[in-house]
C-alpha atoms as a PDB file:
ATOM      1  CA  MET A   1       3.917  20.060 -31.090  1.00  0.00           C
ATOM      2  CA  PHE A   2       4.842  20.807 -34.703  1.00  0.00           C
ATOM      3  CA  THR A   3       2.057  23.253 -35.556  1.00  0.00           C
ATOM      4  CA  SER A   4       1.280  25.427 -32.551  1.00  0.00           C
ATOM      5  CA  SER A   5       4.253  25.408 -30.168  1.00  0.00           C
ATOM      6  CA  SER A   6       7.670  27.021 -30.080  1.00  0.00           C
ATOM      7  CA  LYS A   7       9.080  23.870 -31.680  1.00  0.00           C
ATOM      8  CA  LYS A   8       7.241  24.298 -34.983  1.00  0.00           C
ATOM      9  CA  ASN A   9      10.075  26.230 -36.658  1.00  0.00           C
ATOM     10  CA  LYS A  10      12.889  23.965 -35.502  1.00  0.00           C
ATOM     11  CA  ASP A  11      14.543  21.349 -37.682  1.00  0.00           C
ATOM     12  CA  LEU A  12      15.432  19.186 -34.653  1.00  0.00           C
ATOM     13  CA  VAL A  13      13.188  18.538 -31.645  1.00  0.00           C
ATOM     14  CA  VAL A  14      14.608  16.808 -28.570  1.00  0.00           C
ATOM     15  CA  ILE A  15      12.065  14.739 -26.610  1.00  0.00           C
ATOM     16  CA  ARG A  16      13.830  13.806 -23.402  1.00  0.00           C
ATOM     17  CA  GLN A  17      10.960  11.883 -21.790  1.00  0.00           C
ATOM     18  CA  LEU A  18      11.058   9.049 -24.331  1.00  0.00           C
ATOM     19  CA  GLU A  19      13.375   6.117 -24.803  1.00  0.00           C
ATOM     20  CA  SER A  20      14.338   5.841 -28.465  1.00  0.00           C
ATOM     21  CA  SER A  21      13.655   2.094 -28.512  1.00  0.00           C
ATOM     22  CA  ALA A  22      10.137   2.642 -27.147  1.00  0.00           C
ATOM     23  CA  LEU A  23       9.452   5.401 -29.670  1.00  0.00           C
ATOM     24  CA  GLN A  24      10.564   3.103 -32.496  1.00  0.00           C
ATOM     25  CA  LEU A  25       8.150   0.401 -31.294  1.00  0.00           C
ATOM     26  CA  LEU A  26       5.320   2.917 -31.116  1.00  0.00           C
ATOM     27  CA  ILE A  27       6.001   4.216 -34.636  1.00  0.00           C
ATOM     28  CA  ASP A  28       5.978   0.626 -35.897  1.00  0.00           C
ATOM     29  CA  PHE A  29       2.695   0.085 -34.043  1.00  0.00           C
ATOM     30  CA  VAL A  30       1.099   3.119 -35.692  1.00  0.00           C
ATOM     31  CA  TYR A  31       1.813   1.614 -39.126  1.00  0.00           C
ATOM     32  CA  SER A  32       1.310  -2.080 -38.378  1.00  0.00           C
ATOM     33  CA  GLY A  33      -1.152  -2.226 -35.479  1.00  0.00           C
ATOM     34  CA  LYS A  34       1.164  -4.719 -33.760  1.00  0.00           C
ATOM     35  CA  ILE A  35       3.544  -4.373 -30.827  1.00  0.00           C
ATOM     36  CA  SER A  36       5.576  -6.752 -28.658  1.00  0.00           C
ATOM     37  CA  ILE A  37       5.440  -6.036 -24.920  1.00  0.00           C
ATOM     38  CA  THR A  38       8.035  -7.696 -22.689  1.00  0.00           C
ATOM     39  CA  GLU A  39       9.264  -7.409 -19.122  1.00  0.00           C
ATOM     40  CA  GLN A  40      12.250  -5.463 -20.448  1.00  0.00           C
ATOM     41  CA  ASN A  41      10.310  -2.808 -22.377  1.00  0.00           C
ATOM     42  CA  VAL A  42       6.927  -2.541 -20.635  1.00  0.00           C
ATOM     43  CA  GLN A  43       7.835   0.400 -18.389  1.00  0.00           C
ATOM     44  CA  ASP A  44       9.355   2.435 -21.225  1.00  0.00           C
ATOM     45  CA  LEU A  45       6.386   1.648 -23.469  1.00  0.00           C
ATOM     46  CA  LEU A  46       3.921   2.606 -20.764  1.00  0.00           C
ATOM     47  CA  ALA A  47       5.649   5.926 -20.157  1.00  0.00           C
ATOM     48  CA  ALA A  48       5.884   6.668 -23.884  1.00  0.00           C
ATOM     49  CA  SER A  49       2.332   5.622 -24.750  1.00  0.00           C
ATOM     50  CA  ASN A  50       1.004   7.674 -21.847  1.00  0.00           C
ATOM     51  CA  LEU A  51       2.945  10.745 -22.994  1.00  0.00           C
ATOM     52  CA  LEU A  52       1.911  10.346 -26.648  1.00  0.00           C
ATOM     53  CA  GLN A  53      -1.687   9.424 -25.719  1.00  0.00           C
ATOM     54  CA  LEU A  54      -1.636   6.054 -27.453  1.00  0.00           C
ATOM     55  CA  GLN A  55      -4.339   4.646 -25.194  1.00  0.00           C
ATOM     56  CA  GLU A  56      -4.478   1.240 -26.886  1.00  0.00           C
ATOM     57  CA  VAL A  57      -0.809   0.564 -26.135  1.00  0.00           C
ATOM     58  CA  LYS A  58      -1.126   2.011 -22.643  1.00  0.00           C
ATOM     59  CA  ASN A  59      -4.009  -0.364 -21.891  1.00  0.00           C
ATOM     60  CA  ALA A  60      -2.012  -3.299 -23.242  1.00  0.00           C
ATOM     61  CA  CYS A  61       0.935  -2.391 -20.992  1.00  0.00           C
ATOM     62  CA  CYS A  62      -1.375  -2.175 -17.970  1.00  0.00           C
ATOM     63  CA  ASP A  63      -2.860  -5.589 -18.779  1.00  0.00           C
ATOM     64  CA  PHE A  64       0.659  -7.025 -19.092  1.00  0.00           C
ATOM     65  CA  LEU A  65       1.716  -5.614 -15.710  1.00  0.00           C
ATOM     66  CA  GLN A  66      -1.482  -6.776 -14.039  1.00  0.00           C
ATOM     67  CA  ALA A  67      -0.780 -10.334 -15.187  1.00  0.00           C
ATOM     68  CA  GLN A  68       2.708 -10.123 -13.653  1.00  0.00           C
ATOM     69  CA  ILE A  69       1.648  -8.980 -10.162  1.00  0.00           C
ATOM     70  CA  CYS A  70       3.162 -11.005  -7.317  1.00  0.00           C
ATOM     71  CA  PRO A  71       4.199 -10.293  -3.690  1.00  0.00           C
ATOM     72  CA  THR A  72       7.716  -9.255  -4.701  1.00  0.00           C
ATOM     73  CA  ASN A  73       6.760  -6.640  -7.311  1.00  0.00           C
ATOM     74  CA  VAL A  74       3.295  -5.371  -6.402  1.00  0.00           C
ATOM     75  CA  ILE A  75       4.571  -2.251  -4.612  1.00  0.00           C
ATOM     76  CA  GLY A  76       6.655  -1.298  -7.644  1.00  0.00           C
ATOM     77  CA  ILE A  77       3.640  -1.808  -9.904  1.00  0.00           C
ATOM     78  CA  ILE A  78       1.532   0.387  -7.617  1.00  0.00           C
ATOM     79  CA  ALA A  79       4.136   3.129  -8.007  1.00  0.00           C
ATOM     80  CA  ILE A  80       4.201   2.745 -11.807  1.00  0.00           C
ATOM     81  CA  ALA A  81       0.403   2.799 -12.042  1.00  0.00           C
ATOM     82  CA  ASP A  82       0.200   5.900  -9.877  1.00  0.00           C
ATOM     83  CA  LEU A  83       2.925   7.697 -11.856  1.00  0.00           C
ATOM     84  CA  HIS A  84       1.248   7.135 -15.223  1.00  0.00           C
ATOM     85  CA  ASP A  85      -2.354   7.559 -14.054  1.00  0.00           C
ATOM     86  CA  CYS A  86      -3.359   3.949 -14.702  1.00  0.00           C
ATOM     87  CA  THR A  87      -6.494   3.893 -12.567  1.00  0.00           C
ATOM     88  CA  LYS A  88      -7.562   0.308 -13.166  1.00  0.00           C
ATOM     89  CA  LEU A  89      -4.061  -1.096 -12.646  1.00  0.00           C
ATOM     90  CA  LEU A  90      -3.642   0.979  -9.490  1.00  0.00           C
ATOM     91  CA  THR A  91      -6.907  -0.313  -8.035  1.00  0.00           C
ATOM     92  CA  ARG A  92      -6.111  -3.940  -8.861  1.00  0.00           C
ATOM     93  CA  SER A  93      -2.556  -3.790  -7.534  1.00  0.00           C
ATOM     94  CA  GLU A  94      -3.594  -2.078  -4.296  1.00  0.00           C
ATOM     95  CA  LEU A  95      -6.275  -4.717  -3.779  1.00  0.00           C
ATOM     96  CA  TYR A  96      -3.721  -7.471  -4.397  1.00  0.00           C
ATOM     97  CA  PHE A  97      -1.449  -5.898  -1.784  1.00  0.00           C
ATOM     98  CA  LYS A  98      -4.231  -5.871   0.798  1.00  0.00           C
ATOM     99  CA  GLN A  99      -5.254  -9.456   0.042  1.00  0.00           C
ATOM    100  CA  HIS A 100      -1.648 -10.728   0.201  1.00  0.00           C
ATOM    101  CA  PHE A 101      -0.498  -8.457   2.991  1.00  0.00           C
ATOM    102  CA  SER A 102       1.452 -11.090   4.946  1.00  0.00           C
ATOM    103  CA  ASP A 103       3.555 -12.087   1.937  1.00  0.00           C
ATOM    104  CA  VAL A 104       4.147  -8.558   0.639  1.00  0.00           C
ATOM    105  CA  VAL A 105       5.381  -7.091   3.945  1.00  0.00           C
ATOM    106  CA  GLU A 106       8.139  -9.709   4.147  1.00  0.00           C
ATOM    107  CA  GLY A 107       9.826  -8.299   1.052  1.00  0.00           C
ATOM    108  CA  GLU A 108      12.272  -5.444   0.695  1.00  0.00           C
ATOM    109  CA  GLU A 109       9.844  -3.414  -1.434  1.00  0.00           C
ATOM    110  CA  PHE A 110       7.620  -2.931   1.600  1.00  0.00           C
ATOM    111  CA  LEU A 111      10.346  -0.946   3.340  1.00  0.00           C
ATOM    112  CA  SER A 112      10.396   1.546   0.459  1.00  0.00           C
ATOM    113  CA  LEU A 113       6.776   2.624   0.933  1.00  0.00           C
ATOM    114  CA  SER A 114       6.289   6.338   1.424  1.00  0.00           C
ATOM    115  CA  ARG A 115       4.633   7.801   4.498  1.00  0.00           C
ATOM    116  CA  GLY A 116       1.399   8.414   2.618  1.00  0.00           C
ATOM    117  CA  GLN A 117       1.325   4.924   1.126  1.00  0.00           C
ATOM    118  CA  ILE A 118       1.793   3.045   4.387  1.00  0.00           C
ATOM    119  CA  VAL A 119      -0.689   5.204   6.305  1.00  0.00           C
ATOM    120  CA  LYS A 120      -3.281   4.565   3.589  1.00  0.00           C
ATOM    121  CA  LEU A 121      -2.575   0.840   3.735  1.00  0.00           C
ATOM    122  CA  ILE A 122      -2.668   0.394   7.518  1.00  0.00           C
ATOM    123  CA  ALA A 123      -5.831   2.500   7.784  1.00  0.00           C
ATOM    124  CA  SER A 124      -7.640   0.261   5.289  1.00  0.00           C
ATOM    125  CA  ASP A 125     -10.392  -2.085   6.452  1.00  0.00           C
ATOM    126  CA  GLU A 126      -9.652  -4.413   3.526  1.00  0.00           C
ATOM    127  CA  ILE A 127      -6.343  -5.841   4.760  1.00  0.00           C
ATOM    128  CA  THR A 128      -6.322  -9.628   4.895  1.00  0.00           C
ATOM    129  CA  ALA A 129      -3.822 -10.620   7.571  1.00  0.00           C
ATOM    130  CA  PRO A 130      -3.614 -13.672   9.863  1.00  0.00           C
ATOM    131  CA  SER A 131      -3.653 -11.438  12.934  1.00  0.00           C
ATOM    132  CA  GLU A 132      -3.399  -7.852  14.077  1.00  0.00           C
ATOM    133  CA  GLU A 133      -0.001  -8.812  15.524  1.00  0.00           C
ATOM    134  CA  LYS A 134       1.305  -9.145  11.967  1.00  0.00           C
ATOM    135  CA  ILE A 135       0.119  -5.651  11.129  1.00  0.00           C
ATOM    136  CA  CYS A 136       1.691  -4.202  14.271  1.00  0.00           C
ATOM    137  CA  GLU A 137       5.020  -5.899  13.544  1.00  0.00           C
ATOM    138  CA  SER A 138       5.045  -4.640   9.956  1.00  0.00           C
ATOM    139  CA  VAL A 139       4.576  -1.063  11.172  1.00  0.00           C
ATOM    140  CA  ILE A 140       7.485  -1.361  13.607  1.00  0.00           C
ATOM    141  CA  ARG A 141       9.684  -2.926  10.910  1.00  0.00           C
ATOM    142  CA  TRP A 142       8.913  -0.121   8.441  1.00  0.00           C
ATOM    143  CA  VAL A 143       9.674   2.595  11.009  1.00  0.00           C
ATOM    144  CA  LYS A 144      12.947   0.999  12.139  1.00  0.00           C
ATOM    145  CA  HIS A 145      14.200   0.780   8.553  1.00  0.00           C
ATOM    146  CA  ASP A 146      14.714   4.571   8.584  1.00  0.00           C
ATOM    147  CA  LEU A 147      14.223   5.428  12.218  1.00  0.00           C
ATOM    148  CA  ASP A 148      15.352   9.059  12.202  1.00  0.00           C
ATOM    149  CA  SER A 149      12.904  10.195   9.546  1.00  0.00           C
ATOM    150  CA  ARG A 150      10.061   7.751  10.213  1.00  0.00           C
ATOM    151  CA  LYS A 151       9.636   7.657  13.980  1.00  0.00           C
ATOM    152  CA  LYS A 152       7.544  10.828  13.850  1.00  0.00           C
ATOM    153  CA  VAL A 153       5.011   8.925  11.708  1.00  0.00           C
ATOM    154  CA  LEU A 154       4.647   6.137  14.290  1.00  0.00           C
ATOM    155  CA  PRO A 155       1.736   7.672  16.257  1.00  0.00           C
ATOM    156  CA  GLN A 156      -0.249   8.177  13.053  1.00  0.00           C
ATOM    157  CA  LEU A 157       0.326   4.551  12.092  1.00  0.00           C
ATOM    158  CA  MET A 158      -0.394   3.104  15.532  1.00  0.00           C
ATOM    159  CA  GLU A 159      -3.683   4.976  15.579  1.00  0.00           C
ATOM    160  CA  HIS A 160      -4.849   2.521  12.936  1.00  0.00           C
ATOM    161  CA  VAL A 161      -3.389  -0.643  14.499  1.00  0.00           C
ATOM    162  CA  ARG A 162      -6.123  -2.424  16.464  1.00  0.00           C
ATOM    163  CA  LEU A 163      -3.996  -3.315  19.482  1.00  0.00           C
ATOM    164  CA  PRO A 164      -6.976  -4.530  21.531  1.00  0.00           C
ATOM    165  CA  LEU A 165      -7.496  -7.196  18.860  1.00  0.00           C
ATOM    166  CA  THR A 166      -4.089  -8.647  19.704  1.00  0.00           C
ATOM    167  CA  SER A 167      -3.745 -11.097  22.587  1.00  0.00           C
ATOM    168  CA  LYS A 168      -3.010  -9.956  26.105  1.00  0.00           C
ATOM    169  CA  ASP A 169       0.155 -12.095  26.136  1.00  0.00           C
ATOM    170  CA  TYR A 170       1.363 -10.435  22.947  1.00  0.00           C
ATOM    171  CA  ILE A 171       0.855  -6.989  24.427  1.00  0.00           C
ATOM    172  CA  LEU A 172       2.699  -7.875  27.646  1.00  0.00           C
ATOM    173  CA  LYS A 173       5.574  -9.733  25.977  1.00  0.00           C
ATOM    174  CA  ASN A 174       6.082  -7.715  22.824  1.00  0.00           C
ATOM    175  CA  VAL A 175       4.300  -4.387  22.782  1.00  0.00           C
ATOM    176  CA  VAL A 176       5.146  -3.311  26.315  1.00  0.00           C
ATOM    177  CA  ASN A 177       8.788  -4.191  25.728  1.00  0.00           C
ATOM    178  CA  GLU A 178       9.074  -2.224  22.486  1.00  0.00           C
ATOM    179  CA  PRO A 179      10.966   1.038  23.268  1.00  0.00           C
ATOM    180  CA  LEU A 180       9.547   2.800  20.205  1.00  0.00           C
ATOM    181  CA  LEU A 181       6.032   2.440  21.596  1.00  0.00           C
ATOM    182  CA  ILE A 182       6.671   2.991  25.280  1.00  0.00           C
ATOM    183  CA  ASN A 183       8.872   6.045  24.716  1.00  0.00           C
ATOM    184  CA  CYS A 184       6.182   7.723  22.617  1.00  0.00           C
ATOM    185  CA  SER A 185       3.438   9.312  24.716  1.00  0.00           C
ATOM    186  CA  GLU A 186       0.706   8.887  22.078  1.00  0.00           C
ATOM    187  CA  CYS A 187       1.637   5.282  21.393  1.00  0.00           C
ATOM    188  CA  LYS A 188       1.808   4.567  25.105  1.00  0.00           C
ATOM    189  CA  ASP A 189      -1.821   5.688  25.392  1.00  0.00           C
ATOM    190  CA  TYR A 190      -2.795   3.138  22.739  1.00  0.00           C
ATOM    191  CA  VAL A 191      -0.959   0.417  24.659  1.00  0.00           C
ATOM    192  CA  PHE A 192      -2.714   1.284  27.926  1.00  0.00           C
ATOM    193  CA  GLU A 193      -6.032   1.409  26.105  1.00  0.00           C
ATOM    194  CA  ALA A 194      -5.453  -2.122  24.785  1.00  0.00           C
ATOM    195  CA  LEU A 195      -4.537  -3.407  28.248  1.00  0.00           C
ATOM    196  CA  GLN A 196      -7.631  -1.789  29.706  1.00  0.00           C
ATOM    197  CA  PHE A 197      -9.748  -3.537  27.108  1.00  0.00           C
ATOM    198  CA  HIS A 198      -8.383  -6.937  28.134  1.00  0.00           C
ATOM    199  CA  LEU A 199      -9.044  -6.196  31.811  1.00  0.00           C
ATOM    200  CA  LEU A 200     -12.725  -5.556  31.240  1.00  0.00           C
ATOM    201  CA  LYS A 201     -15.048  -8.397  32.157  1.00  0.00           C
ATOM    202  CA  LEU A 202     -17.252  -9.835  29.426  1.00  0.00           C
ATOM    203  CA  GLU A 203     -20.448  -8.558  31.028  1.00  0.00           C
ATOM    204  CA  GLU A 204     -19.008  -5.049  31.144  1.00  0.00           C
ATOM    205  CA  LEU A 205     -18.445  -4.830  27.389  1.00  0.00           C
ATOM    206  CA  ILE A 206     -21.735  -3.041  26.942  1.00  0.00           C
ATOM    207  CA  ASP A 207     -20.399  -0.198  29.056  1.00  0.00           C
ATOM    208  CA  ILE A 208     -17.178   0.314  27.095  1.00  0.00           C
ATOM    209  CA  PRO A 209     -16.821   4.016  26.217  1.00  0.00           C
ATOM    210  CA  HIS A 210     -17.473   4.928  22.600  1.00  0.00           C
ATOM    211  CA  ASN A 211     -13.822   5.823  22.078  1.00  0.00           C
ATOM    212  CA  ILE A 212     -12.588   2.305  22.899  1.00  0.00           C
ATOM    213  CA  ARG A 213     -10.669   0.941  19.950  1.00  0.00           C
ATOM    214  CA  ALA A 214     -11.924  -2.587  19.461  1.00  0.00           C
ATOM    215  CA  LYS A 215     -14.474  -5.288  19.904  1.00  0.00           C
ATOM    216  CA  PRO A 216     -13.003  -8.789  19.376  1.00  0.00           C
ATOM    217  CA  ILE A 217     -15.502 -10.224  16.883  1.00  0.00           C
ATOM    218  CA  GLN A 218     -13.764 -13.061  15.031  1.00  0.00           C
ATOM    219  CA  PRO A 219     -16.152 -14.878  12.665  1.00  0.00           C
ATOM    220  CA  ASP A 220     -14.854 -17.947  10.876  1.00  0.00           C
ATOM    221  CA  GLY A 221     -13.694 -17.780   7.292  1.00  0.00           C
ATOM    222  CA  TYR A 222     -11.196 -16.187   4.967  1.00  0.00           C
ATOM    223  CA  PHE A 223     -12.347 -12.637   5.647  1.00  0.00           C
ATOM    224  CA  SER A 224     -12.211 -12.796   9.451  1.00  0.00           C
ATOM    225  CA  SER A 225      -9.383 -10.257   9.670  1.00  0.00           C
ATOM    226  CA  TRP A 226     -11.178  -7.870   7.323  1.00  0.00           C
ATOM    227  CA  TRP A 227     -14.401  -8.295   9.305  1.00  0.00           C
ATOM    228  CA  THR A 228     -12.827  -7.409  12.647  1.00  0.00           C
ATOM    229  CA  ARG A 229     -11.284  -4.283  11.112  1.00  0.00           C
ATOM    230  CA  TYR A 230     -14.682  -3.389   9.606  1.00  0.00           C
ATOM    231  CA  GLN A 231     -16.337  -3.861  12.990  1.00  0.00           C
ATOM    232  CA  TRP A 232     -13.662  -1.660  14.540  1.00  0.00           C
ATOM    233  CA  ARG A 233     -14.515   1.179  12.223  1.00  0.00           C
ATOM    234  CA  ASN A 234     -18.227   0.959  13.022  1.00  0.00           C
ATOM    235  CA  ILE A 235     -17.697   0.799  16.779  1.00  0.00           C
ATOM    236  CA  ARG A 236     -15.428   3.835  17.058  1.00  0.00           C
END
């Protein structure tokens, strides 16, 4: 900055991307090798250390944030990790989200997810949820939060919801009565596909067309939801 850029001949250089308090802490760190990271300063320190390429401080900030991950802040941490190119923190926080899906989607942060983020999440085979019903309901809740701009994303999201893995009663009582789904031609096809699946007799399963969207394999254990979604992907 001070030797090869246009700033080298200036007496005063304005660095707008840095908080002065964070810069002071980083200067102290350069001389002392010590720094205090808190909930109040971690984001400013992460941004500053990333900009100034102080990798040791950046790693320490990522470790601090990783230790703080919980259902109410994980989406915010994902955004921070993505913004500052913190690969390890991003991977860990996304995995936490998938493993604690049911708790995370109940919070307000979930409603702030971007189109790309929620599509990536719902399409994942690593979601741990008590049922596919929970995933379906979270999609509808996200869309309704900003209906005008998000309803066009609904077909793309419902493509990844395994409706045939929900119960027949749920489809008839909830899905069929949801105007967002029935008034959308693509979504309506997914609903009919799920109903068709439930009408098939057990002995006819072998003849299900390759484009059918589910096979209800539900092994016991913690990863049952993940396993059914994995099976889905390999059947399609």
